Amino acid sequence: MTNKMKAVISLFDLSGIISRPYMDAGYVVYQFDQQLESNLYDCNWHIGGDYREWTPIIENIYDQYDVSIILSQPPCTDLTSSQAGWMERKRLANPDYENEAMDLVFLAKRISEAHDGTPYVIENPVGRISTLWRKPDMYYHPYEFGAWLPEDDVAPNYVTPARDRYSKRSCLWHNEGFIEPVRKPVELPAGYTYSLHHLKLGGRTLKTKNLRSLTPRGFALALFDANHKPREKGE
């Protein structure tokens, strides 16, 4: 049994939503994303820059802490099914673009395999990962975890409804150490046909891409609840 403090490695986590429950519970959180500026913020380490330069930082984390889980939400721009119409144009511009995108997907898996199988989970929308790697272990919609949020929940921004009452099919890939979160669904609004994420966020700006990719808050709470308990190796 280790006496090291527990830590979480959260990859491609610009918003901090998926790792916030861990930080609130006292874990040391290392939040990596290319758009972040590297610093210590709110008892949480932000690491930015090129992902290929993160390896020595990650090795140092393992030296100092007991890493409980690796959370990963790699960029989906080159892998989501909504980009299918652009695939040929992207391939002409860069024949290796899918392999480069998958290199980011596999980062969590590589870290885990190098460190005794740390539990990991990779989240992404429906898309090319199923073809380029394997089928997901789990599918979910945000509203399926909405009841993890209180009944008086307030909408966090102008497109995400309170209690995550919207649909957006996403996928999880994980190893055996990860425990799948328990669904606590809420009903979609009466007459619901299409998510505001699709209706209001169809643009190609960085702002709209970041809003589209926000982690559902109820899902983040459910994930934490299922996986935060310490486990001994081999359990």
Protein backbone atom coordinates (compact mmCIF):
# COMPACT_ATOMS: atom_id res chain seq x y z
CA MET A 1 0.00 0.00 0.00
CA THR A 2 1.40 3.39 -0.98
CA ASN A 3 1.50 6.48 1.24
CA LYS A 4 1.66 8.83 -1.73
CA MET A 5 -1.07 11.39 -2.28
CA LYS A 6 -3.60 10.41 -4.92
CA ALA A 7 -3.51 12.19 -8.27
CA VAL A 8 -5.50 12.27 -11.50
CA ILE A 9 -4.11 12.79 -15.00
CA SER A 10 -6.75 14.48 -17.15
CA LEU A 11 -5.76 14.73 -20.80
CA PHE A 12 -7.22 17.20 -23.31
CA ASP A 13 -9.28 18.70 -20.51
CA LEU A 14 -9.63 22.41 -21.31
CA SER A 15 -12.79 23.01 -19.26
CA GLY A 16 -11.82 20.96 -16.21
CA ILE A 17 -15.38 19.63 -15.91
CA ILE A 18 -14.52 15.94 -16.00
CA SER A 19 -11.74 16.28 -13.40
CA ARG A 20 -13.45 18.82 -11.11
CA PRO A 21 -15.15 16.23 -8.86
CA TYR A 22 -11.74 14.70 -8.15
CA MET A 23 -10.24 18.08 -7.29
CA ASP A 24 -13.19 18.88 -5.01
CA ALA A 25 -12.54 15.57 -3.22
CA GLY A 26 -8.92 16.47 -2.52
CA TYR A 27 -7.10 14.70 -5.33
CA VAL A 28 -4.15 16.42 -6.98
CA VAL A 29 -5.31 17.02 -10.54
CA TYR A 30 -2.99 17.49 -13.51
CA GLN A 31 -5.12 19.03 -16.24
CA PHE A 32 -3.46 18.84 -19.69
CA ASP A 33 -4.62 20.67 -22.81
CA GLN A 34 -2.88 22.39 -25.70
CA GLN A 35 -4.93 25.54 -25.12
CA LEU A 36 -3.94 25.91 -21.45
CA GLU A 37 -1.11 28.02 -20.09
CA SER A 38 1.10 25.96 -17.79
CA ASN A 39 0.66 27.01 -14.16
CA LEU A 40 -0.69 26.01 -10.76
CA TYR A 41 -4.28 27.19 -10.45
CA ASP A 42 -6.79 26.58 -7.66
CA CYS A 43 -4.78 23.60 -6.28
CA ASN A 44 -4.83 22.19 -9.79
CA TRP A 45 -1.92 21.91 -12.18
CA HIS A 46 -2.57 23.22 -15.70
CA ILE A 47 -0.20 21.89 -18.36
CA GLY A 48 -0.29 23.29 -21.89
CA GLY A 49 1.87 23.04 -25.01
CA ASP A 50 2.56 20.19 -27.41
CA TYR A 51 1.25 16.85 -26.11
CA ARG A 52 4.48 15.16 -27.25
CA GLU A 53 6.31 17.16 -24.58
CA TRP A 54 4.08 15.95 -21.74
CA THR A 55 5.86 12.60 -21.21
CA PRO A 56 8.55 13.79 -18.73
CA ILE A 57 5.89 15.67 -16.74
CA ILE A 58 3.74 12.54 -16.58
CA GLU A 59 6.70 10.43 -15.46
CA ASN A 60 7.34 12.95 -12.68
CA ILE A 61 3.69 12.72 -11.61
CA TYR A 62 4.03 8.95 -11.24
CA ASP A 63 7.22 9.43 -9.20
CA GLN A 64 5.49 11.78 -6.77
CA TYR A 65 1.90 10.53 -6.60
CA ASP A 66 -0.34 7.49 -6.65
CA VAL A 67 -2.15 8.04 -9.97
CA SER A 68 -5.72 6.81 -9.52
CA ILE A 69 -7.07 7.27 -13.04
CA ILE A 70 -6.32 8.72 -16.46
CA LEU A 71 -9.15 10.70 -18.02
CA SER A 72 -8.87 11.55 -21.71
CA GLN A 73 -11.00 13.54 -24.15
CA PRO A 74 -8.82 13.76 -27.27
CA PRO A 75 -9.72 16.26 -30.02
CA CYS A 76 -12.47 14.87 -32.22
CA THR A 77 -12.25 17.28 -35.18
CA ASP A 78 -10.52 14.74 -37.43
CA LEU A 79 -12.39 11.69 -36.11
CA THR A 80 -16.06 12.54 -35.58
CA SER A 81 -18.62 11.24 -38.06
CA SER A 82 -19.88 14.81 -38.60
CA GLN A 83 -16.64 15.49 -40.46
CA ALA A 84 -17.14 12.66 -42.96
CA GLY A 85 -17.78 15.08 -45.80
CA TRP A 86 -14.37 16.67 -45.28
CA MET A 87 -12.36 13.44 -45.10
CA GLU A 88 -11.14 13.41 -48.69
CA ARG A 89 -10.11 17.05 -48.57
CA LYS A 90 -8.22 16.44 -45.31
CA ARG A 91 -6.53 13.36 -46.75
CA LEU A 92 -5.33 15.31 -49.76
CA ALA A 93 -3.91 18.01 -47.49
CA ASN A 94 -2.31 15.49 -45.12
CA PRO A 95 -2.43 11.77 -45.96
CA ASP A 96 -1.44 10.91 -42.37
CA TYR A 97 -4.04 13.07 -40.60
CA GLU A 98 -6.04 10.16 -39.14
CA ASN A 99 -2.93 8.46 -37.75
CA GLU A 100 -1.92 11.74 -36.15
CA ALA A 101 -5.38 12.12 -34.59
CA MET A 102 -5.30 8.54 -33.31
CA ASP A 103 -1.90 9.16 -31.71
CA LEU A 104 -3.69 11.52 -29.32
CA VAL A 105 -6.42 8.93 -28.72
CA PHE A 106 -3.87 6.28 -27.77
CA LEU A 107 -1.96 8.54 -25.35
CA ALA A 108 -4.02 7.45 -22.31
CA LYS A 109 -3.67 3.79 -23.26
CA ARG A 110 0.11 4.14 -23.66
CA ILE A 111 0.48 5.83 -20.28
CA SER A 112 -1.62 3.15 -18.60
CA GLU A 113 0.28 0.27 -20.16
CA ALA A 114 3.59 1.81 -19.10
CA HIS A 115 2.44 2.07 -15.45
CA ASP A 116 0.89 -1.23 -14.34
CA GLY A 117 -2.46 -0.70 -16.01
CA THR A 118 -3.67 2.50 -14.36
CA PRO A 119 -7.44 2.71 -14.98
CA TYR A 120 -8.17 4.90 -17.99
CA VAL A 121 -11.16 6.10 -19.97
CA ILE A 122 -11.22 7.78 -23.38
CA GLU A 123 -14.31 9.80 -24.36
CA ASN A 124 -15.20 10.88 -27.90
CA PRO A 125 -18.26 11.34 -30.11
CA VAL A 126 -19.36 8.62 -32.52
CA GLY A 127 -16.85 8.51 -35.35
CA ARG A 128 -13.77 6.96 -36.85
CA ILE A 129 -12.20 5.54 -33.68
CA SER A 130 -14.47 2.50 -33.96
CA THR A 131 -13.01 1.77 -37.40
CA LEU A 132 -9.41 2.74 -36.73
CA TRP A 133 -9.21 0.98 -33.36
CA ARG A 134 -12.21 -0.92 -31.94
CA LYS A 135 -15.86 -0.55 -30.95
CA PRO A 136 -16.58 1.48 -27.78
CA ASP A 137 -17.16 -0.18 -24.44
CA MET A 138 -20.08 2.14 -23.68
CA TYR A 139 -22.37 4.67 -25.36
CA TYR A 140 -24.25 7.41 -23.54
CA HIS A 141 -26.31 10.61 -23.90
CA PRO A 142 -25.90 13.52 -21.42
CA TYR A 143 -29.53 13.38 -20.22
CA GLU A 144 -28.95 9.78 -19.05
CA PHE A 145 -26.87 11.22 -16.17
CA GLY A 146 -28.90 14.37 -15.58
CA ALA A 147 -30.32 13.26 -12.22
CA TRP A 148 -26.82 13.32 -10.74
CA LEU A 149 -27.38 17.09 -10.78
CA PRO A 150 -29.82 18.73 -8.32
CA GLU A 151 -33.38 19.52 -9.32
CA ASP A 152 -32.65 23.24 -8.99
CA ASP A 153 -29.58 23.01 -11.23
CA VAL A 154 -28.84 26.17 -13.22
CA ALA A 155 -27.80 26.09 -16.87
CA PRO A 156 -24.01 26.66 -17.02
CA ASN A 157 -24.04 28.54 -20.34
CA TYR A 158 -26.39 29.68 -23.11
CA VAL A 159 -26.58 26.31 -24.89
CA THR A 160 -26.27 23.60 -22.22
CA PRO A 161 -29.66 23.12 -20.48
CA ALA A 162 -30.01 22.60 -16.75
CA ARG A 163 -29.55 18.97 -15.64
CA ASP A 164 -28.01 18.17 -19.05
CA ARG A 165 -31.42 17.66 -20.64
CA TYR A 166 -30.12 17.12 -24.16
CA SER A 167 -28.98 14.27 -26.39
CA LYS A 168 -25.54 13.84 -27.89
CA ARG A 169 -24.37 10.29 -28.40
CA SER A 170 -20.85 9.83 -27.12
CA CYS A 171 -18.56 6.83 -26.65
CA LEU A 172 -16.25 5.50 -23.98
CA TRP A 173 -13.24 3.24 -24.43
CA HIS A 174 -11.60 1.97 -21.26
CA ASN A 175 -9.54 -0.79 -19.70
CA GLU A 176 -10.56 -3.33 -17.06
CA GLY A 177 -9.65 -1.06 -14.16
CA PHE A 178 -12.26 1.53 -15.07
CA ILE A 179 -15.77 1.19 -13.62
CA GLU A 180 -18.59 2.37 -15.87
CA PRO A 181 -20.75 5.11 -14.31
CA VAL A 182 -24.32 4.47 -13.20
CA ARG A 183 -27.02 6.14 -15.27
CA LYS A 184 -29.58 8.37 -13.52
CA PRO A 185 -31.62 9.78 -16.42
CA VAL A 186 -33.92 12.77 -16.61
CA GLU A 187 -36.66 13.19 -19.18
CA LEU A 188 -35.96 15.26 -22.25
CA PRO A 189 -38.11 18.42 -22.60
CA ALA A 190 -41.58 17.99 -24.08
CA GLY A 191 -41.44 18.14 -27.86
CA TYR A 192 -37.64 17.78 -27.84
CA THR A 193 -36.28 17.16 -31.33
CA TYR A 194 -32.71 18.42 -31.50
CA SER A 195 -30.02 19.61 -29.15
CA LEU A 196 -29.11 23.30 -28.98
CA HIS A 197 -25.52 22.09 -29.24
CA HIS A 198 -26.34 21.24 -32.85
CA LEU A 199 -28.66 24.16 -33.61
CA LYS A 200 -26.53 26.96 -32.14
CA LEU A 201 -23.03 25.56 -32.41
CA GLY A 202 -22.64 24.69 -36.06
CA GLY A 203 -19.80 27.13 -36.64
CA ARG A 204 -16.15 26.29 -37.09
CA THR A 205 -14.68 28.82 -34.65
CA LEU A 206 -12.57 27.65 -31.71
CA LYS A 207 -15.20 29.02 -29.30
CA THR A 208 -18.02 26.93 -30.79
CA LYS A 209 -15.80 23.84 -30.98
CA ASN A 210 -14.93 24.21 -27.29
CA LEU A 211 -18.60 24.63 -26.33
CA ARG A 212 -19.60 21.58 -28.39
CA SER A 213 -17.03 19.45 -26.60
CA LEU A 214 -17.93 20.38 -23.01
CA THR A 215 -18.22 17.34 -20.74
CA PRO A 216 -21.74 16.82 -19.33
CA ARG A 217 -21.55 17.71 -15.64
CA GLY A 218 -23.84 14.89 -14.52
CA PHE A 219 -21.72 12.36 -16.37
CA ALA A 220 -18.58 13.74 -14.68
CA LEU A 221 -20.17 13.28 -11.24
CA ALA A 222 -21.29 9.73 -12.05
CA LEU A 223 -17.83 8.82 -13.37
CA PHE A 224 -16.21 10.10 -10.19
CA ASP A 225 -18.70 8.30 -7.95
CA ALA A 226 -17.96 4.98 -9.66
CA ASN A 227 -14.18 5.31 -9.71
CA HIS A 228 -12.93 7.44 -6.83
CA LYS A 229 -12.61 4.74 -4.18
CA PRO A 230 -9.01 3.59 -3.63
CA ARG A 231 -8.22 0.12 -4.86
CA GLU A 232 -5.20 -2.04 -4.19
CA LYS A 233 -3.25 -3.37 -7.14
CA GLY A 234 -4.64 -6.69 -8.27
CA GLU A 235 -8.08 -6.00 -6.81
